[in-house]
Amino acid sequence: TPGKERELVAYIDHIVWYRDSVKGRFTMSRDSAKNTIVLQMNSLKPED
């Protein structure tokens, strides 16, 4: 967001990691065959 540093939301390699503020609301998935990642975001808040 403007004026703030970039923050890591989620990553996936051998595990899937989420930052605390999005746990339980965001889901990251990967289709390696298609080199595609998806971030499904639910219960969105203005601070997202």
All heavy atoms as atom14 arrays in JSON, in Angstrom:
{
  "sequence": "TPGKERELVAYIDHIVWYRDSVKGRFTMSRDSAKNTIVLQMNSLKPED",
  "atom14_mask": [
    [1, 1, 1, 1, 1, 1, 1, 0, 0, 0, 0, 0, 0, 0],
    [1, 1, 1, 1, 1, 1, 1, 0, 0, 0, 0, 0, 0, 0],
    [1, 1, 1, 1, 0, 0, 0, 0, 0, 0, 0, 0, 0, 0],
    [1, 1, 1, 1, 1, 1, 1, 1, 1, 0, 0, 0, 0, 0],
    [1, 1, 1, 1, 1, 1, 1, 1, 1, 0, 0, 0, 0, 0],
    [1, 1, 1, 1, 1, 1, 1, 1, 1, 1, 1, 0, 0, 0],
    [1, 1, 1, 1, 1, 1, 1, 1, 1, 0, 0, 0, 0, 0],
    [1, 1, 1, 1, 1, 1, 1, 1, 0, 0, 0, 0, 0, 0],
    [1, 1, 1, 1, 1, 1, 1, 0, 0, 0, 0, 0, 0, 0],
    [1, 1, 1, 1, 1, 0, 0, 0, 0, 0, 0, 0, 0, 0],
    [1, 1, 1, 1, 1, 1, 1, 1, 1, 1, 1, 1, 0, 0],
    [1, 1, 1, 1, 1, 1, 1, 1, 0, 0, 0, 0, 0, 0],
    [1, 1, 1, 1, 1, 1, 1, 1, 0, 0, 0, 0, 0, 0],
    [1, 1, 1, 1, 1, 1, 1, 1, 1, 1, 0, 0, 0, 0],
    [1, 1, 1, 1, 1, 1, 1, 1, 0, 0, 0, 0, 0, 0],
    [1, 1, 1, 1, 1, 1, 1, 0, 0, 0, 0, 0, 0, 0],
    [1, 1, 1, 1, 1, 1, 1, 1, 1, 1, 1, 1, 1, 1],
    [1, 1, 1, 1, 1, 1, 1, 1, 1, 1, 1, 1, 0, 0],
    [1, 1, 1, 1, 1, 1, 1, 1, 1, 1, 1, 0, 0, 0],
    [1, 1, 1, 1, 1, 1, 1, 1, 0, 0, 0, 0, 0, 0],
    [1, 1, 1, 1, 1, 1, 0, 0, 0, 0, 0, 0, 0, 0],
    [1, 1, 1, 1, 1, 1, 1, 0, 0, 0, 0, 0, 0, 0],
    [1, 1, 1, 1, 1, 1, 1, 1, 1, 0, 0, 0, 0, 0],
    [1, 1, 1, 1, 0, 0, 0, 0, 0, 0, 0, 0, 0, 0],
    [1, 1, 1, 1, 1, 1, 1, 1, 1, 1, 1, 0, 0, 0],
    [1, 1, 1, 1, 1, 1, 1, 1, 1, 1, 1, 0, 0, 0],
    [1, 1, 1, 1, 1, 1, 1, 0, 0, 0, 0, 0, 0, 0],
    [1, 1, 1, 1, 1, 1, 1, 1, 0, 0, 0, 0, 0, 0],
    [1, 1, 1, 1, 1, 1, 0, 0, 0, 0, 0, 0, 0, 0],
    [1, 1, 1, 1, 1, 1, 1, 1, 1, 1, 1, 0, 0, 0],
    [1, 1, 1, 1, 1, 1, 1, 1, 0, 0, 0, 0, 0, 0],
    [1, 1, 1, 1, 1, 1, 0, 0, 0, 0, 0, 0, 0, 0],
    [1, 1, 1, 1, 1, 0, 0, 0, 0, 0, 0, 0, 0, 0],
    [1, 1, 1, 1, 1, 1, 1, 1, 1, 0, 0, 0, 0, 0],
    [1, 1, 1, 1, 1, 1, 1, 1, 0, 0, 0, 0, 0, 0],
    [1, 1, 1, 1, 1, 1, 1, 0, 0, 0, 0, 0, 0, 0],
    [1, 1, 1, 1, 1, 1, 1, 1, 0, 0, 0, 0, 0, 0],
    [1, 1, 1, 1, 1, 1, 1, 0, 0, 0, 0, 0, 0, 0],
    [1, 1, 1, 1, 1, 1, 1, 1, 0, 0, 0, 0, 0, 0],
    [1, 1, 1, 1, 1, 1, 1, 1, 1, 0, 0, 0, 0, 0],
    [1, 1, 1, 1, 1, 1, 1, 1, 0, 0, 0, 0, 0, 0],
    [1, 1, 1, 1, 1, 1, 1, 1, 0, 0, 0, 0, 0, 0],
    [1, 1, 1, 1, 1, 1, 0, 0, 0, 0, 0, 0, 0, 0],
    [1, 1, 1, 1, 1, 1, 1, 1, 0, 0, 0, 0, 0, 0],
    [1, 1, 1, 1, 1, 1, 1, 1, 1, 0, 0, 0, 0, 0],
    [1, 1, 1, 1, 1, 1, 1, 0, 0, 0, 0, 0, 0, 0],
    [1, 1, 1, 1, 1, 1, 1, 1, 1, 0, 0, 0, 0, 0],
    [1, 1, 1, 1, 1, 1, 1, 1, 0, 0, 0, 0, 0, 0]
  ],
  "atom14_positions": [
    [[0.85, -1.17, 0.0], [0.0, 0.0, 0.0], [0.9, 1.23, 0.0], [2.05, 1.17, 0.44], [-0.92, 0.02, 1.22], [-0.13, -0.09, 2.42], [-1.91, -1.14, 1.19], [0.0, 0.0, 0.0], [0.0, 0.0, 0.0], [0.0, 0.0, 0.0], [0.0, 0.0, 0.0], [0.0, 0.0, 0.0], [0.0, 0.0, 0.0], [0.0, 0.0, 0.0]],
    [[0.4, 2.35, -0.49], [1.22, 3.57, -0.57], [1.8, 3.95, 0.79], [1.1, 3.94, 1.81], [0.24, 4.63, -1.07], [-0.77, 3.86, -1.84], [-0.93, 2.56, -1.09], [0.0, 0.0, 0.0], [0.0, 0.0, 0.0], [0.0, 0.0, 0.0], [0.0, 0.0, 0.0], [0.0, 0.0, 0.0], [0.0, 0.0, 0.0], [0.0, 0.0, 0.0]],
    [[3.07, 4.24, 0.81], [3.74, 4.67, 2.03], [4.17, 3.54, 2.95], [4.76, 3.79, 3.99], [0.0, 0.0, 0.0], [0.0, 0.0, 0.0], [0.0, 0.0, 0.0], [0.0, 0.0, 0.0], [0.0, 0.0, 0.0], [0.0, 0.0, 0.0], [0.0, 0.0, 0.0], [0.0, 0.0, 0.0], [0.0, 0.0, 0.0], [0.0, 0.0, 0.0]],
    [[3.88, 2.31, 2.56], [4.27, 1.17, 3.38], [5.18, 0.24, 2.61], [5.18, 0.22, 1.38], [3.03, 0.41, 3.85], [2.14, 1.19, 4.82], [1.02, 0.31, 5.34], [0.15, 1.05, 6.35], [-0.94, 0.19, 6.87], [0.0, 0.0, 0.0], [0.0, 0.0, 0.0], [0.0, 0.0, 0.0], [0.0, 0.0, 0.0], [0.0, 0.0, 0.0]],
    [[5.93, -0.55, 3.35], [6.81, -1.52, 2.71], [5.99, -2.7, 2.18], [4.92, -3.03, 2.72], [7.85, -2.04, 3.7], [8.87, -1.0, 4.11], [10.01, -1.6, 4.93], [9.98, -2.83, 5.19], [10.92, -0.85, 5.3], [0.0, 0.0, 0.0], [0.0, 0.0, 0.0], [0.0, 0.0, 0.0], [0.0, 0.0, 0.0], [0.0, 0.0, 0.0]],
    [[6.51, -3.3, 1.14], [5.87, -4.49, 0.6], [5.9, -5.6, 1.65], [6.91, -5.78, 2.33], [6.6, -4.92, -0.66], [6.01, -6.12, -1.37], [6.65, -6.3, -2.73], [8.09, -6.36, -2.66], [8.9, -6.18, -3.69], [8.39, -5.92, -4.88], [10.21, -6.27, -3.55], [0.0, 0.0, 0.0], [0.0, 0.0, 0.0], [0.0, 0.0, 0.0]],
    [[4.81, -6.32, 1.77], [4.76, -7.4, 2.76], [4.39, -8.72, 2.1], [3.61, -8.76, 1.13], [3.78, -7.07, 3.89], [2.33, -6.92, 3.49], [1.43, -6.58, 4.67], [1.92, -6.03, 5.68], [0.22, -6.88, 4.58], [0.0, 0.0, 0.0], [0.0, 0.0, 0.0], [0.0, 0.0, 0.0], [0.0, 0.0, 0.0], [0.0, 0.0, 0.0]],
    [[4.96, -9.76, 2.63], [4.7, -11.11, 2.14], [3.34, -11.56, 2.65], [3.09, -11.51, 3.85], [5.8, -12.06, 2.6], [5.68, -13.53, 2.23], [5.69, -13.71, 0.72], [6.81, -14.32, 2.88], [0.0, 0.0, 0.0], [0.0, 0.0, 0.0], [0.0, 0.0, 0.0], [0.0, 0.0, 0.0], [0.0, 0.0, 0.0], [0.0, 0.0, 0.0]],
    [[2.51, -12.01, 1.75], [1.17, -12.48, 2.12], [1.16, -13.99, 2.31], [0.65, -14.5, 3.3], [0.13, -12.08, 1.06], [-1.25, -12.63, 1.42], [0.08, -10.57, 0.9], [0.0, 0.0, 0.0], [0.0, 0.0, 0.0], [0.0, 0.0, 0.0], [0.0, 0.0, 0.0], [0.0, 0.0, 0.0], [0.0, 0.0, 0.0], [0.0, 0.0, 0.0]],
    [[1.71, -14.7, 1.35], [1.73, -16.16, 1.39], [2.77, -16.66, 0.41], [3.08, -15.99, -0.58], [0.36, -16.73, 1.04], [0.0, 0.0, 0.0], [0.0, 0.0, 0.0], [0.0, 0.0, 0.0], [0.0, 0.0, 0.0], [0.0, 0.0, 0.0], [0.0, 0.0, 0.0], [0.0, 0.0, 0.0], [0.0, 0.0, 0.0], [0.0, 0.0, 0.0]],
    [[3.33, -17.82, 0.71], [4.21, -18.46, -0.26], [3.99, -19.96, -0.24], [3.45, -20.52, 0.72], [5.68, -18.11, -0.02], [6.33, -18.77, 1.17], [6.77, -20.1, 1.14], [6.56, -18.04, 2.34], [7.38, -20.67, 2.23], [7.17, -18.62, 3.43], [7.59, -19.93, 3.38], [8.22, -20.5, 4.47], [0.0, 0.0, 0.0], [0.0, 0.0, 0.0]],
    [[4.44, -20.59, -1.32], [4.3, -22.03, -1.44], [5.56, -22.6, -2.07], [6.05, -22.11, -3.08], [3.03, -22.38, -2.25], [2.77, -23.87, -2.27], [3.11, -21.84, -3.68], [1.38, -24.23, -2.8], [0.0, 0.0, 0.0], [0.0, 0.0, 0.0], [0.0, 0.0, 0.0], [0.0, 0.0, 0.0], [0.0, 0.0, 0.0], [0.0, 0.0, 0.0]],
    [[6.15, -23.56, -1.41], [7.14, -24.43, -2.03], [6.83, -25.84, -1.55], [5.96, -26.5, -2.13], [8.58, -23.97, -1.77], [8.92, -23.76, -0.31], [8.1, -24.11, 0.55], [10.0, -23.25, -0.02], [0.0, 0.0, 0.0], [0.0, 0.0, 0.0], [0.0, 0.0, 0.0], [0.0, 0.0, 0.0], [0.0, 0.0, 0.0], [0.0, 0.0, 0.0]],
    [[7.48, -26.3, -0.51], [7.11, -27.61, 0.04], [6.01, -27.46, 1.09], [5.4, -28.46, 1.51], [8.33, -28.29, 0.65], [9.43, -28.49, -0.34], [9.31, -29.33, -1.44], [10.66, -27.93, -0.45], [10.42, -29.29, -2.14], [11.26, -28.44, -1.58], [0.0, 0.0, 0.0], [0.0, 0.0, 0.0], [0.0, 0.0, 0.0], [0.0, 0.0, 0.0]],
    [[5.79, -26.26, 1.54], [4.73, -25.95, 2.49], [3.99, -24.73, 1.98], [4.42, -24.09, 1.01], [5.29, -25.64, 3.91], [6.2, -24.41, 3.84], [6.03, -26.85, 4.47], [6.56, -23.84, 5.19], [0.0, 0.0, 0.0], [0.0, 0.0, 0.0], [0.0, 0.0, 0.0], [0.0, 0.0, 0.0], [0.0, 0.0, 0.0], [0.0, 0.0, 0.0]],
    [[2.91, -24.42, 2.61], [2.22, -23.17, 2.34], [2.26, -22.34, 3.62], [1.9, -22.82, 4.69], [0.75, -23.4, 1.92], [0.1, -22.06, 1.54], [0.68, -24.35, 0.73], [0.0, 0.0, 0.0], [0.0, 0.0, 0.0], [0.0, 0.0, 0.0], [0.0, 0.0, 0.0], [0.0, 0.0, 0.0], [0.0, 0.0, 0.0], [0.0, 0.0, 0.0]],
    [[2.74, -21.13, 3.48], [2.87, -20.22, 4.63], [1.98, -19.01, 4.41], [1.88, -18.5, 3.29], [4.32, -19.77, 4.77], [4.54, -18.77, 5.86], [4.9, -19.02, 7.14], [4.43, -17.34, 5.75], [5.01, -17.85, 7.85], [4.72, -16.8, 7.02], [4.1, -16.47, 4.72], [4.71, -15.42, 7.28], [4.07, -15.1, 4.96], [4.37, -14.59, 6.23]],
    [[1.34, -18.53, 5.47], [0.51, -17.34, 5.42], [0.91, -16.38, 6.53], [1.25, -16.81, 7.64], [-0.97, -17.68, 5.61], [-1.54, -18.64, 4.6], [-1.59, -20.01, 4.87], [-2.02, -18.19, 3.38], [-2.11, -20.9, 3.94], [-2.55, -19.07, 2.45], [-2.6, -20.44, 2.74], [-3.1, -21.31, 1.81], [0.0, 0.0, 0.0], [0.0, 0.0, 0.0]],
    [[0.81, -15.11, 6.23], [1.02, -14.16, 7.32], [-0.18, -14.23, 8.25], [-1.31, -14.57, 7.84], [1.24, -12.74, 6.79], [0.07, -12.05, 6.17], [0.46, -10.65, 5.68], [1.02, -9.83, 6.73], [2.32, -9.53, 6.86], [3.19, -9.99, 5.98], [2.75, -8.76, 7.84], [0.0, 0.0, 0.0], [0.0, 0.0, 0.0], [0.0, 0.0, 0.0]],
    [[0.03, -13.89, 9.52], [-1.02, -14.08, 10.53], [-2.32, -13.38, 10.18], [-3.41, -13.91, 10.42], [-0.53, -13.58, 11.89], [0.48, -14.53, 12.52], [0.6, -15.68, 12.05], [1.16, -14.12, 13.48], [0.0, 0.0, 0.0], [0.0, 0.0, 0.0], [0.0, 0.0, 0.0], [0.0, 0.0, 0.0], [0.0, 0.0, 0.0], [0.0, 0.0, 0.0]],
    [[-2.23, -12.2, 9.61], [-3.44, -11.41, 9.37], [-4.36, -12.0, 8.31], [-5.52, -11.57, 8.18], [-3.06, -9.97, 8.99], [-2.31, -9.96, 7.79], [0.0, 0.0, 0.0], [0.0, 0.0, 0.0], [0.0, 0.0, 0.0], [0.0, 0.0, 0.0], [0.0, 0.0, 0.0], [0.0, 0.0, 0.0], [0.0, 0.0, 0.0], [0.0, 0.0, 0.0]],
    [[-3.88, -12.96, 7.53], [-4.73, -13.56, 6.49], [-5.03, -15.03, 6.75], [-5.8, -15.64, 6.01], [-4.1, -13.4, 5.09], [-3.75, -11.94, 4.81], [-2.9, -14.3, 4.89], [0.0, 0.0, 0.0], [0.0, 0.0, 0.0], [0.0, 0.0, 0.0], [0.0, 0.0, 0.0], [0.0, 0.0, 0.0], [0.0, 0.0, 0.0], [0.0, 0.0, 0.0]],
    [[-4.43, -15.61, 7.78], [-4.67, -17.03, 8.09], [-6.16, -17.27, 8.31], [-6.84, -16.51, 8.99], [-3.89, -17.43, 9.33], [-2.42, -17.68, 9.09], [-1.73, -18.11, 10.38], [-0.25, -18.36, 10.15], [0.45, -18.71, 11.41], [0.0, 0.0, 0.0], [0.0, 0.0, 0.0], [0.0, 0.0, 0.0], [0.0, 0.0, 0.0], [0.0, 0.0, 0.0]],
    [[-6.64, -18.34, 7.71], [-8.05, -18.7, 7.85], [-8.95, -17.98, 6.86], [-10.12, -18.34, 6.72], [0.0, 0.0, 0.0], [0.0, 0.0, 0.0], [0.0, 0.0, 0.0], [0.0, 0.0, 0.0], [0.0, 0.0, 0.0], [0.0, 0.0, 0.0], [0.0, 0.0, 0.0], [0.0, 0.0, 0.0], [0.0, 0.0, 0.0], [0.0, 0.0, 0.0]],
    [[-8.42, -16.97, 6.17], [-9.22, -16.23, 5.19], [-8.71, -16.41, 3.77], [-9.49, -16.43, 2.82], [-9.24, -14.74, 5.54], [-9.79, -14.41, 6.92], [-9.94, -12.91, 7.12], [-8.67, -12.19, 7.05], [-8.4, -11.24, 6.17], [-9.3, -10.87, 5.29], [-7.21, -10.63, 6.19], [0.0, 0.0, 0.0], [0.0, 0.0, 0.0], [0.0, 0.0, 0.0]],
    [[-7.39, -16.48, 3.61], [-6.78, -16.62, 2.29], [-6.3, -18.05, 2.09], [-5.83, -18.69, 3.04], [-5.59, -15.68, 2.15], [-5.92, -14.22, 2.07], [-7.18, -13.73, 2.38], [-4.96, -13.31, 1.66], [-7.48, -12.39, 2.31], [-5.23, -11.96, 1.57], [-6.5, -11.49, 1.91], [0.0, 0.0, 0.0], [0.0, 0.0, 0.0], [0.0, 0.0, 0.0]],
    [[-6.39, -18.51, 0.87], [-5.87, -19.83, 0.52], [-5.06, -19.72, -0.76], [-5.56, -19.21, -1.77], [-7.01, -20.84, 0.3], [-7.8, -20.93, 1.49], [-6.45, -22.21, -0.03], [0.0, 0.0, 0.0], [0.0, 0.0, 0.0], [0.0, 0.0, 0.0], [0.0, 0.0, 0.0], [0.0, 0.0, 0.0], [0.0, 0.0, 0.0], [0.0, 0.0, 0.0]],
    [[-3.82, -20.17, -0.69], [-2.95, -20.16, -1.86], [-2.81, -21.57, -2.39], [-2.65, -22.52, -1.63], [-1.57, -19.61, -1.48], [-0.62, -19.52, -2.66], [0.93, -18.74, -2.18], [1.81, -18.76, -3.75], [0.0, 0.0, 0.0], [0.0, 0.0, 0.0], [0.0, 0.0, 0.0], [0.0, 0.0, 0.0], [0.0, 0.0, 0.0], [0.0, 0.0, 0.0]],
    [[-2.89, -21.69, -3.71], [-2.73, -23.0, -4.34], [-1.84, -22.85, -5.56], [-1.62, -21.75, -6.06], [-4.08, -23.58, -4.71], [-4.76, -22.74, -5.62], [0.0, 0.0, 0.0], [0.0, 0.0, 0.0], [0.0, 0.0, 0.0], [0.0, 0.0, 0.0], [0.0, 0.0, 0.0], [0.0, 0.0, 0.0], [0.0, 0.0, 0.0], [0.0, 0.0, 0.0]],
    [[-1.36, -24.0, -6.01], [-0.4, -24.0, -7.13], [-0.7, -25.16, -8.06], [-0.94, -26.29, -7.6], [1.02, -24.1, -6.58], [2.12, -24.17, -7.64], [3.47, -24.18, -6.94], [4.58, -24.05, -7.88], [5.83, -23.82, -7.52], [6.13, -23.68, -6.23], [6.78, -23.71, -8.43], [0.0, 0.0, 0.0], [0.0, 0.0, 0.0], [0.0, 0.0, 0.0]],
    [[-0.62, -24.9, -9.34], [-0.68, -25.93, -10.36], [0.67, -25.89, -11.08], [0.89, -25.07, -11.97], [-1.84, -25.67, -11.33], [-1.99, -26.78, -12.35], [-1.01, -27.53, -12.6], [-3.09, -26.92, -12.91], [0.0, 0.0, 0.0], [0.0, 0.0, 0.0], [0.0, 0.0, 0.0], [0.0, 0.0, 0.0], [0.0, 0.0, 0.0], [0.0, 0.0, 0.0]],
    [[1.57, -26.75, -10.66], [2.93, -26.71, -11.21], [2.96, -27.03, -12.69], [3.8, -26.49, -13.42], [3.82, -27.69, -10.44], [3.96, -27.29, -9.1], [0.0, 0.0, 0.0], [0.0, 0.0, 0.0], [0.0, 0.0, 0.0], [0.0, 0.0, 0.0], [0.0, 0.0, 0.0], [0.0, 0.0, 0.0], [0.0, 0.0, 0.0], [0.0, 0.0, 0.0]],
    [[2.07, -27.88, -13.14], [2.05, -28.24, -14.56], [1.73, -27.02, -15.43], [2.16, -26.93, -16.57], [1.04, -29.36, -14.79], [0.0, 0.0, 0.0], [0.0, 0.0, 0.0], [0.0, 0.0, 0.0], [0.0, 0.0, 0.0], [0.0, 0.0, 0.0], [0.0, 0.0, 0.0], [0.0, 0.0, 0.0], [0.0, 0.0, 0.0], [0.0, 0.0, 0.0]],
    [[0.95, -26.1, -14.88], [0.56, -24.9, -15.62], [1.32, -23.66, -15.15], [1.01, -22.55, -15.62], [-0.95, -24.67, -15.48], [-1.8, -25.8, -16.04], [-3.28, -25.51, -15.87], [-4.13, -26.63, -16.44], [-5.58, -26.39, -16.25], [0.0, 0.0, 0.0], [0.0, 0.0, 0.0], [0.0, 0.0, 0.0], [0.0, 0.0, 0.0], [0.0, 0.0, 0.0]],
    [[2.27, -23.83, -14.24], [3.01, -22.68, -13.68], [2.05, -21.59, -13.22], [2.27, -20.4, -13.48], [4.0, -22.12, -14.7], [5.32, -22.87, -14.66], [5.61, -23.6, -13.72], [6.13, -22.68, -15.69], [0.0, 0.0, 0.0], [0.0, 0.0, 0.0], [0.0, 0.0, 0.0], [0.0, 0.0, 0.0], [0.0, 0.0, 0.0], [0.0, 0.0, 0.0]],
    [[1.03, -22.0, -12.53], [-0.01, -21.08, -12.09], [-0.16, -21.13, -10.58], [-0.13, -22.2, -9.99], [-1.35, -21.43, -12.74], [-1.24, -21.33, -14.16], [-2.46, -20.5, -12.26], [0.0, 0.0, 0.0], [0.0, 0.0, 0.0], [0.0, 0.0, 0.0], [0.0, 0.0, 0.0], [0.0, 0.0, 0.0], [0.0, 0.0, 0.0], [0.0, 0.0, 0.0]],
    [[-0.32, -19.96, -9.98], [-0.67, -19.89, -8.58], [-1.95, -19.07, -8.44], [-2.21, -18.16, -9.24], [0.44, -19.28, -7.69], [0.85, -17.89, -8.18], [1.63, -20.21, -7.62], [1.81, -17.18, -7.25], [0.0, 0.0, 0.0], [0.0, 0.0, 0.0], [0.0, 0.0, 0.0], [0.0, 0.0, 0.0], [0.0, 0.0, 0.0], [0.0, 0.0, 0.0]],
    [[-2.71, -19.42, -7.44], [-3.99, -18.75, -7.2], [-4.03, -18.34, -5.73], [-3.6, -19.09, -4.86], [-5.17, -19.68, -7.52], [-6.48, -19.06, -7.08], [-5.2, -19.99, -9.01], [0.0, 0.0, 0.0], [0.0, 0.0, 0.0], [0.0, 0.0, 0.0], [0.0, 0.0, 0.0], [0.0, 0.0, 0.0], [0.0, 0.0, 0.0], [0.0, 0.0, 0.0]],
    [[-4.56, -17.16, -5.49], [-4.79, -16.7, -4.13], [-6.29, -16.45, -3.99], [-6.82, -15.51, -4.59], [-4.0, -15.44, -3.82], [-4.09, -14.95, -2.37], [-3.39, -15.94, -1.43], [-3.46, -13.55, -2.23], [0.0, 0.0, 0.0], [0.0, 0.0, 0.0], [0.0, 0.0, 0.0], [0.0, 0.0, 0.0], [0.0, 0.0, 0.0], [0.0, 0.0, 0.0]],
    [[-6.95, -17.31, -3.25], [-8.37, -17.14, -2.98], [-8.51, -16.37, -1.68], [-8.02, -16.82, -0.64], [-9.08, -18.49, -2.89], [-10.56, -18.39, -2.56], [-11.35, -17.62, -3.62], [-11.09, -17.78, -4.82], [-12.3, -16.81, -3.18], [0.0, 0.0, 0.0], [0.0, 0.0, 0.0], [0.0, 0.0, 0.0], [0.0, 0.0, 0.0], [0.0, 0.0, 0.0]],
    [[-9.18, -15.24, -1.74], [-9.3, -14.35, -0.58], [-10.76, -14.27, -0.17], [-11.61, -13.86, -0.97], [-8.76, -12.96, -0.92], [-7.32, -12.98, -1.44], [-6.68, -11.34, -1.83], [-7.67, -10.92, -3.27], [0.0, 0.0, 0.0], [0.0, 0.0, 0.0], [0.0, 0.0, 0.0], [0.0, 0.0, 0.0], [0.0, 0.0, 0.0], [0.0, 0.0, 0.0]],
    [[-11.03, -14.67, 1.04], [-12.39, -14.63, 1.59], [-12.44, -13.7, 2.79], [-11.4, -13.35, 3.36], [-12.84, -16.04, 2.0], [-12.87, -17.01, 0.84], [-13.19, -16.64, -0.3], [-12.53, -18.25, 1.11], [0.0, 0.0, 0.0], [0.0, 0.0, 0.0], [0.0, 0.0, 0.0], [0.0, 0.0, 0.0], [0.0, 0.0, 0.0], [0.0, 0.0, 0.0]],
    [[-13.65, -13.34, 3.17], [-13.86, -12.46, 4.33], [-12.94, -11.25, 4.26], [-12.26, -10.89, 5.24], [-13.61, -13.24, 5.63], [-14.47, -14.36, 5.72], [0.0, 0.0, 0.0], [0.0, 0.0, 0.0], [0.0, 0.0, 0.0], [0.0, 0.0, 0.0], [0.0, 0.0, 0.0], [0.0, 0.0, 0.0], [0.0, 0.0, 0.0], [0.0, 0.0, 0.0]],
    [[-12.92, -10.62, 3.13], [-11.99, -9.51, 2.91], [-12.31, -8.32, 3.81], [-13.49, -8.04, 4.12], [-12.01, -9.09, 1.45], [-11.22, -10.01, 0.53], [-11.63, -9.84, -0.92], [-9.73, -9.76, 0.69], [0.0, 0.0, 0.0], [0.0, 0.0, 0.0], [0.0, 0.0, 0.0], [0.0, 0.0, 0.0], [0.0, 0.0, 0.0], [0.0, 0.0, 0.0]],
    [[-11.26, -7.63, 4.2], [-11.36, -6.47, 5.08], [-10.77, -5.25, 4.37], [-9.91, -5.39, 3.49], [-10.58, -6.73, 6.37], [-10.99, -7.97, 7.11], [-10.08, -8.22, 8.32], [-10.47, -9.48, 9.07], [-9.59, -9.72, 10.24], [0.0, 0.0, 0.0], [0.0, 0.0, 0.0], [0.0, 0.0, 0.0], [0.0, 0.0, 0.0], [0.0, 0.0, 0.0]],
    [[-11.19, -4.06, 4.78], [-10.61, -2.86, 4.15], [-9.09, -2.82, 4.23], [-8.44, -2.33, 3.3], [-11.24, -1.72, 4.97], [-12.55, -2.28, 5.4], [-12.28, -3.73, 5.7], [0.0, 0.0, 0.0], [0.0, 0.0, 0.0], [0.0, 0.0, 0.0], [0.0, 0.0, 0.0], [0.0, 0.0, 0.0], [0.0, 0.0, 0.0], [0.0, 0.0, 0.0]],
    [[-8.53, -3.38, 5.29], [-7.07, -3.36, 5.43], [-6.38, -4.32, 4.47], [-5.14, -4.35, 4.4], [-6.65, -3.66, 6.87], [-7.26, -4.9, 7.47], [-8.5, -4.59, 8.3], [-9.32, -3.74, 7.88], [-8.64, -5.22, 9.37], [0.0, 0.0, 0.0], [0.0, 0.0, 0.0], [0.0, 0.0, 0.0], [0.0, 0.0, 0.0], [0.0, 0.0, 0.0]],
    [[-7.14, -5.12, 3.74], [-6.55, -5.97, 2.7], [-6.35, -5.2, 1.4], [-5.76, -5.72, 0.45], [-7.45, -7.18, 2.42], [-7.55, -8.12, 3.6], [-6.51, -8.38, 4.24], [-8.67, -8.61, 3.88], [0.0, 0.0, 0.0], [0.0, 0.0, 0.0], [0.0, 0.0, 0.0], [0.0, 0.0, 0.0], [0.0, 0.0, 0.0], [0.0, 0.0, 0.0]]
  ]
}
